[in-house]
C-alpha atoms as a PDB file:
ATOM      1  CA  UNK A   1      -6.074  12.495 -13.822  1.00  0.00           C
ATOM      2  CA  UNK A   2      -7.401   8.832 -13.845  1.00  0.00           C
ATOM      3  CA  UNK A   3      -4.402   7.281 -11.826  1.00  0.00           C
ATOM      4  CA  UNK A   4      -4.803  10.267  -9.328  1.00  0.00           C
ATOM      5  CA  UNK A   5      -8.653   9.560  -8.597  1.00  0.00           C
ATOM      6  CA  UNK A   6      -7.939   5.879  -8.567  1.00  0.00           C
ATOM      7  CA  UNK A   7      -5.224   6.322  -6.041  1.00  0.00           C
ATOM      8  CA  UNK A   8      -7.390   8.670  -3.606  1.00  0.00           C
ATOM      9  CA  UNK A   9     -10.236   6.595  -3.903  1.00  0.00           C
ATOM     10  CA  UNK A  10      -7.985   3.091  -3.072  1.00  0.00           C
ATOM     11  CA  UNK A  11      -6.080   5.268  -0.094  1.00  0.00           C
ATOM     12  CA  UNK A  12      -9.563   6.670   1.443  1.00  0.00           C
ATOM     13  CA  UNK A  13     -11.374   3.288   1.025  1.00  0.00           C
ATOM     14  CA  UNK A  14      -8.314   1.484   2.801  1.00  0.00           C
ATOM     15  CA  UNK A  15      -8.358   3.851   5.580  1.00  0.00           C
ATOM     16  CA  UNK A  16     -11.946   3.661   6.393  1.00  0.00           C
ATOM     17  CA  UNK A  17     -11.921  -0.076   6.214  1.00  0.00           C
ATOM     18  CA  UNK A  18      -8.670  -0.414   8.379  1.00  0.00           C
ATOM     19  CA  UNK A  19     -11.102   0.551  11.281  1.00  0.00           C
ATOM     20  CA  UNK A  20     -13.097  -2.443  10.600  1.00  0.00           C
ATOM     21  CA  UNK A  21     -11.675  -5.790  11.790  1.00  0.00           C
ATOM     22  CA  UNK A  22     -12.220  -9.024   9.905  1.00  0.00           C
ATOM     23  CA  UNK A  23     -15.186 -10.697  12.120  1.00  0.00           C
ATOM     24  CA  UNK A  24     -14.736 -14.321  10.791  1.00  0.00           C
ATOM     25  CA  UNK A  25     -12.934 -17.443  11.434  1.00  0.00           C
ATOM     26  CA  UNK A  26     -11.339 -15.721  14.613  1.00  0.00           C
ATOM     27  CA  UNK A  27      -9.531 -12.931  12.605  1.00  0.00           C
ATOM     28  CA  UNK A  28     -11.079  -9.912  14.544  1.00  0.00           C
ATOM     29  CA  UNK A  29      -7.507  -9.599  16.185  1.00  0.00           C
ATOM     30  CA  UNK A  30      -5.575 -10.458  13.487  1.00  0.00           C
ATOM     31  CA  UNK A  31      -6.863  -8.543  10.091  1.00  0.00           C
ATOM     32  CA  UNK A  32      -8.835  -5.537   8.918  1.00  0.00           C
ATOM     33  CA  UNK A  33     -10.513  -5.280   5.629  1.00  0.00           C
ATOM     34  CA  UNK A  34      -8.353  -2.332   4.581  1.00  0.00           C
ATOM     35  CA  UNK A  35      -5.460  -5.288   3.979  1.00  0.00           C
ATOM     36  CA  UNK A  36      -7.673  -6.458   0.692  1.00  0.00           C
ATOM     37  CA  UNK A  37      -7.999  -2.694  -0.669  1.00  0.00           C
ATOM     38  CA  UNK A  38      -4.617  -1.061  -0.152  1.00  0.00           C
ATOM     39  CA  UNK A  39      -2.367  -3.432  -2.389  1.00  0.00           C
ATOM     40  CA  UNK A  40      -4.329  -1.844  -5.469  1.00  0.00           C
ATOM     41  CA  UNK A  41      -2.419   1.471  -4.735  1.00  0.00           C
ATOM     42  CA  UNK A  42       0.655  -0.102  -5.685  1.00  0.00           C
ATOM     43  CA  UNK A  43      -0.919  -1.546  -8.911  1.00  0.00           C
ATOM     44  CA  UNK A  44      -1.921   1.930  -9.767  1.00  0.00           C
ATOM     45  CA  UNK A  45       1.499   3.150  -9.092  1.00  0.00           C
ATOM     46  CA  UNK A  46       3.182   0.684 -11.335  1.00  0.00           C
ATOM     47  CA  UNK A  47       1.022   1.246 -13.993  1.00  0.00           C
ATOM     48  CA  UNK A  48       1.631   4.595 -14.001  1.00  0.00           C
ATOM     49  CA  UNK A  49       5.364   4.135 -13.574  1.00  0.00           C
ATOM     50  CA  UNK A  50       5.369   1.786 -16.590  1.00  0.00           C
ATOM     51  CA  UNK A  51       3.375   4.020 -18.857  1.00  0.00           C
ATOM     52  CA  UNK A  52       4.835   7.297 -17.803  1.00  0.00           C
ATOM     53  CA  UNK A  53       7.602   6.768 -15.943  1.00  0.00           C
ATOM     54  CA  UNK A  54       8.922   7.333 -12.434  1.00  0.00           C
ATOM     55  CA  UNK A  55       8.625  11.080 -12.435  1.00  0.00           C
ATOM     56  CA  UNK A  56       5.007  10.932 -13.376  1.00  0.00           C
ATOM     57  CA  UNK A  57       4.332   8.119 -10.904  1.00  0.00           C
ATOM     58  CA  UNK A  58       5.821  10.378  -8.076  1.00  0.00           C
ATOM     59  CA  UNK A  59       3.220  12.966  -9.326  1.00  0.00           C
ATOM     60  CA  UNK A  60       0.630  10.827  -8.865  1.00  0.00           C
ATOM     61  CA  UNK A  61       2.057   9.634  -5.518  1.00  0.00           C
ATOM     62  CA  UNK A  62       2.180  13.394  -4.234  1.00  0.00           C
ATOM     63  CA  UNK A  63      -1.382  14.224  -5.546  1.00  0.00           C
ATOM     64  CA  UNK A  64      -2.877  11.161  -4.458  1.00  0.00           C
ATOM     65  CA  UNK A  65      -1.060  11.530  -0.843  1.00  0.00           C
ATOM     66  CA  UNK A  66      -2.349  15.035  -0.650  1.00  0.00           C
ATOM     67  CA  UNK A  67      -6.021  14.263  -1.450  1.00  0.00           C
ATOM     68  CA  UNK A  68      -6.279  10.638   0.217  1.00  0.00           C
ATOM     69  CA  UNK A  69      -5.109  12.626   3.467  1.00  0.00           C
ATOM     70  CA  UNK A  70      -7.570  15.431   3.207  1.00  0.00           C
ATOM     71  CA  UNK A  71     -10.369  12.753   2.550  1.00  0.00           C
ATOM     72  CA  UNK A  72      -9.059  10.372   5.286  1.00  0.00           C
ATOM     73  CA  UNK A  73      -9.158  13.187   7.903  1.00  0.00           C
ATOM     74  CA  UNK A  74     -12.996  13.559   7.091  1.00  0.00           C
ATOM     75  CA  UNK A  75     -13.436   9.970   7.051  1.00  0.00           C
ATOM     76  CA  UNK A  76     -11.119   8.407   9.853  1.00  0.00           C
ATOM     77  CA  UNK A  77      -9.565   9.743  12.584  1.00  0.00           C
ATOM     78  CA  UNK A  78      -6.708  12.316  12.294  1.00  0.00           C
ATOM     79  CA  UNK A  79      -3.810  10.146  13.670  1.00  0.00           C
ATOM     80  CA  UNK A  80      -5.063   7.364  11.410  1.00  0.00           C
ATOM     81  CA  UNK A  81      -5.006   9.995   8.571  1.00  0.00           C
ATOM     82  CA  UNK A  82      -1.794  11.412   9.141  1.00  0.00           C
ATOM     83  CA  UNK A  83      -0.228   8.204   9.674  1.00  0.00           C
ATOM     84  CA  UNK A  84      -1.517   6.871   6.698  1.00  0.00           C
ATOM     85  CA  UNK A  85      -0.368   9.782   4.664  1.00  0.00           C
ATOM     86  CA  UNK A  86       3.455   9.263   5.978  1.00  0.00           C
ATOM     87  CA  UNK A  87       3.383   5.620   5.618  1.00  0.00           C
ATOM     88  CA  UNK A  88       1.799   6.049   1.988  1.00  0.00           C
ATOM     89  CA  UNK A  89       4.151   8.581   0.892  1.00  0.00           C
ATOM     90  CA  UNK A  90       7.312   6.623   2.077  1.00  0.00           C
ATOM     91  CA  UNK A  91       6.011   3.279   0.718  1.00  0.00           C
ATOM     92  CA  UNK A  92       5.011   4.565  -2.666  1.00  0.00           C
ATOM     93  CA  UNK A  93       8.084   6.442  -3.180  1.00  0.00           C
ATOM     94  CA  UNK A  94       9.979   3.441  -2.564  1.00  0.00           C
ATOM     95  CA  UNK A  95       7.810   1.315  -4.897  1.00  0.00           C
ATOM     96  CA  UNK A  96       8.417   4.287  -7.506  1.00  0.00           C
ATOM     97  CA  UNK A  97      12.119   3.972  -7.008  1.00  0.00           C
ATOM     98  CA  UNK A  98      12.527  -0.039  -7.003  1.00  0.00           C
ATOM     99  CA  UNK A  99      10.062  -0.341  -9.957  1.00  0.00           C
ATOM    100  CA  UNK A 100      12.216   2.115 -12.145  1.00  0.00           C
ATOM    101  CA  UNK A 101      15.385   0.221 -11.404  1.00  0.00           C
ATOM    102  CA  UNK A 102      13.905  -3.327 -12.193  1.00  0.00           C
ATOM    103  CA  UNK A 103      11.601  -2.158 -15.221  1.00  0.00           C
ATOM    104  CA  UNK A 104      13.798  -3.848 -17.722  1.00  0.00           C
ATOM    105  CA  UNK A 105      14.183  -7.226 -15.968  1.00  0.00           C
ATOM    106  CA  UNK A 106      11.365  -9.832 -16.446  1.00  0.00           C
ATOM    107  CA  UNK A 107       7.644  -8.286 -16.589  1.00  0.00           C
ATOM    108  CA  UNK A 108       6.440  -9.610 -13.090  1.00  0.00           C
ATOM    109  CA  UNK A 109       9.965  -8.444 -11.086  1.00  0.00           C
ATOM    110  CA  UNK A 110       9.497  -4.754 -10.875  1.00  0.00           C
ATOM    111  CA  UNK A 111       5.813  -5.167  -9.900  1.00  0.00           C
ATOM    112  CA  UNK A 112       6.293  -7.930  -7.212  1.00  0.00           C
ATOM    113  CA  UNK A 113       9.595  -6.603  -5.875  1.00  0.00           C
ATOM    114  CA  UNK A 114       8.190  -2.826  -5.524  1.00  0.00           C
ATOM    115  CA  UNK A 115       5.169  -3.759  -4.082  1.00  0.00           C
ATOM    116  CA  UNK A 116       6.479  -6.044  -1.363  1.00  0.00           C
ATOM    117  CA  UNK A 117       8.990  -3.541  -0.165  1.00  0.00           C
ATOM    118  CA  UNK A 118       6.689  -0.667  -0.544  1.00  0.00           C
ATOM    119  CA  UNK A 119       4.176  -2.663   1.248  1.00  0.00           C
ATOM    120  CA  UNK A 120       6.505  -3.790   3.922  1.00  0.00           C
ATOM    121  CA  UNK A 121       7.628  -0.031   4.845  1.00  0.00           C
ATOM    122  CA  UNK A 122       4.152   0.993   4.523  1.00  0.00           C
ATOM    123  CA  UNK A 123       2.819  -1.393   6.985  1.00  0.00           C
ATOM    124  CA  UNK A 124       5.597  -0.854   9.269  1.00  0.00           C
ATOM    125  CA  UNK A 125       5.370   2.942   9.475  1.00  0.00           C
ATOM    126  CA  UNK A 126       1.478   2.772   9.242  1.00  0.00           C
ATOM    127  CA  UNK A 127       1.023   0.512  12.248  1.00  0.00           C
ATOM    128  CA  UNK A 128       3.604   2.171  14.264  1.00  0.00           C
ATOM    129  CA  UNK A 129       2.359   5.745  13.921  1.00  0.00           C
ATOM    130  CA  UNK A 130      -1.489   5.053  13.842  1.00  0.00           C
ATOM    131  CA  UNK A 131      -1.455   2.799  17.003  1.00  0.00           C
ATOM    132  CA  UNK A 132       1.863   2.228  19.123  1.00  0.00           C
ATOM    133  CA  UNK A 133       1.176   3.980  22.360  1.00  0.00           C
ATOM    134  CA  UNK A 134      -2.890   3.546  21.954  1.00  0.00           C
ATOM    135  CA  UNK A 135      -4.252   1.525  24.903  1.00  0.00           C
ATOM    136  CA  UNK A 136      -7.064  -0.398  23.003  1.00  0.00           C
ATOM    137  CA  UNK A 137      -4.700  -1.048  20.132  1.00  0.00           C
ATOM    138  CA  UNK A 138      -1.836  -2.262  22.597  1.00  0.00           C
ATOM    139  CA  UNK A 139      -4.047  -4.596  24.373  1.00  0.00           C
ATOM    140  CA  UNK A 140      -2.159  -8.269  24.641  1.00  0.00           C
ATOM    141  CA  UNK A 141      -3.464 -10.740  22.341  1.00  0.00           C
ATOM    142  CA  UNK A 142      -1.844 -14.281  21.241  1.00  0.00           C
ATOM    143  CA  UNK A 143       0.088 -13.896  18.195  1.00  0.00           C
ATOM    144  CA  UNK A 144      -1.425 -16.421  15.530  1.00  0.00           C
ATOM    145  CA  UNK A 145      -2.214 -18.997  18.565  1.00  0.00           C
ATOM    146  CA  UNK A 146       1.279 -19.440  19.375  1.00  0.00           C
ATOM    147  CA  UNK A 147       1.107 -18.411  22.695  1.00  0.00           C
ATOM    148  CA  UNK A 148       3.288 -15.463  22.281  1.00  0.00           C
ATOM    149  CA  UNK A 149       1.796 -12.324  23.424  1.00  0.00           C
ATOM    150  CA  UNK A 150       1.941  -9.012  21.206  1.00  0.00           C
ATOM    151  CA  UNK A 151       0.221  -5.839  21.232  1.00  0.00           C
ATOM    152  CA  UNK A 152      -2.981  -5.872  19.073  1.00  0.00           C
ATOM    153  CA  UNK A 153      -1.572  -3.771  16.384  1.00  0.00           C
ATOM    154  CA  UNK A 154       1.561  -5.644  16.236  1.00  0.00           C
ATOM    155  CA  UNK A 155      -0.661  -8.739  15.384  1.00  0.00           C
ATOM    156  CA  UNK A 156      -2.966  -6.749  12.997  1.00  0.00           C
ATOM    157  CA  UNK A 157       0.257  -5.188  11.041  1.00  0.00           C
ATOM    158  CA  UNK A 158       1.806  -8.916  10.729  1.00  0.00           C
ATOM    159  CA  UNK A 159      -1.391 -10.134   9.076  1.00  0.00           C
ATOM    160  CA  UNK A 160      -1.900  -6.988   7.307  1.00  0.00           C
ATOM    161  CA  UNK A 161       1.563  -7.440   5.559  1.00  0.00           C
ATOM    162  CA  UNK A 162       0.703 -10.943   4.870  1.00  0.00           C
ATOM    163  CA  UNK A 163      -2.518 -10.050   3.061  1.00  0.00           C
ATOM    164  CA  UNK A 164      -0.675  -7.369   1.235  1.00  0.00           C
ATOM    165  CA  UNK A 165       2.282  -9.558   0.348  1.00  0.00           C
ATOM    166  CA  UNK A 166      -0.756 -12.107  -1.368  1.00  0.00           C
ATOM    167  CA  UNK A 167      -2.251  -9.186  -2.945  1.00  0.00           C
ATOM    168  CA  UNK A 168       1.102  -8.155  -4.524  1.00  0.00           C
ATOM    169  CA  UNK A 169       1.486 -11.562  -5.994  1.00  0.00           C
ATOM    170  CA  UNK A 170      -2.618 -11.825  -6.849  1.00  0.00           C
ATOM    171  CA  UNK A 171      -2.129  -8.311  -8.662  1.00  0.00           C
ATOM    172  CA  UNK A 172       0.347  -9.743 -11.082  1.00  0.00           C
ATOM    173  CA  UNK A 173      -2.438 -10.961 -13.104  1.00  0.00           C
ATOM    174  CA  UNK A 174      -4.327  -7.765 -13.646  1.00  0.00           C
ATOM    175  CA  UNK A 175      -0.862  -6.282 -14.098  1.00  0.00           C
ATOM    176  CA  UNK A 176      -0.075  -8.670 -17.040  1.00  0.00           C
ATOM    177  CA  UNK A 177      -3.273  -8.100 -18.403  1.00  0.00           C
ATOM    178  CA  UNK A 178      -3.189  -4.483 -18.785  1.00  0.00           C
ATOM    179  CA  UNK A 179       0.497  -4.479 -19.690  1.00  0.00           C
ATOM    180  CA  UNK A 180      -0.595  -4.787 -23.309  1.00  0.00           C
ATOM    181  CA  UNK A 181      -2.717  -2.052 -23.398  1.00  0.00           C
ATOM    182  CA  UNK A 182      -0.204   0.220 -21.220  1.00  0.00           C
ATOM    183  CA  UNK A 183       2.537   1.273 -23.605  1.00  0.00           C
ATOM    184  CA  UNK A 184       6.192   1.497 -21.405  1.00  0.00           C
ATOM    185  CA  UNK A 185       7.693   4.592 -20.918  1.00  0.00           C
ATOM    186  CA  UNK A 186      10.945   4.425 -22.597  1.00  0.00           C
ATOM    187  CA  UNK A 187      13.864   6.995 -21.704  1.00  0.00           C
ATOM    188  CA  UNK A 188      15.487   8.164 -24.848  1.00  0.00           C
ATOM    189  CA  UNK A 189      18.705   9.292 -25.085  1.00  0.00           C
ATOM    190  CA  UNK A 190      19.365  13.125 -25.848  1.00  0.00           C
ATOM    191  CA  UNK A 191      20.292  13.832 -29.274  1.00  0.00           C
ATOM    192  CA  UNK A 192      23.547  15.348 -29.571  1.00  0.00           C
END
């Protein structure tokens, strides 16, 4: 229950914070506050996968998905809630699969690779589904001061992923600290 509650809280908070741009250092057309909280969802998934295995991690993803979408419809717009749900489901299930395949390698490889791949897919799906075609979110902006013009939602997606990638690396420290208390799930060969 604790991983499901944590997942629900992280996703619902991220969906609310996504609606608030960072209004400092000229980042309002580049970043929202949701980018800072969402990587924690991958930490929850990876710790669940480490302790209970991929089947249990998928259950947490499904439960977190259902509860988070329901809460997000109430806390955010329906379009954001549905885009978030679809992106969350695909990105988190990818994270579970990648983590399960890499779990026996060096301790940091599974959470880092799973988090980066899951975040990339989640970000691309979410921003496309939530904002493509929305007039306000498609306003042209200069991409990172380069003079290249992109829709606002594309700029937000690029910077969102950058923060998520940094978050995936930064969350290796709490993952490492929690590894000692979260015994790993081991598959046991059937007795014949």
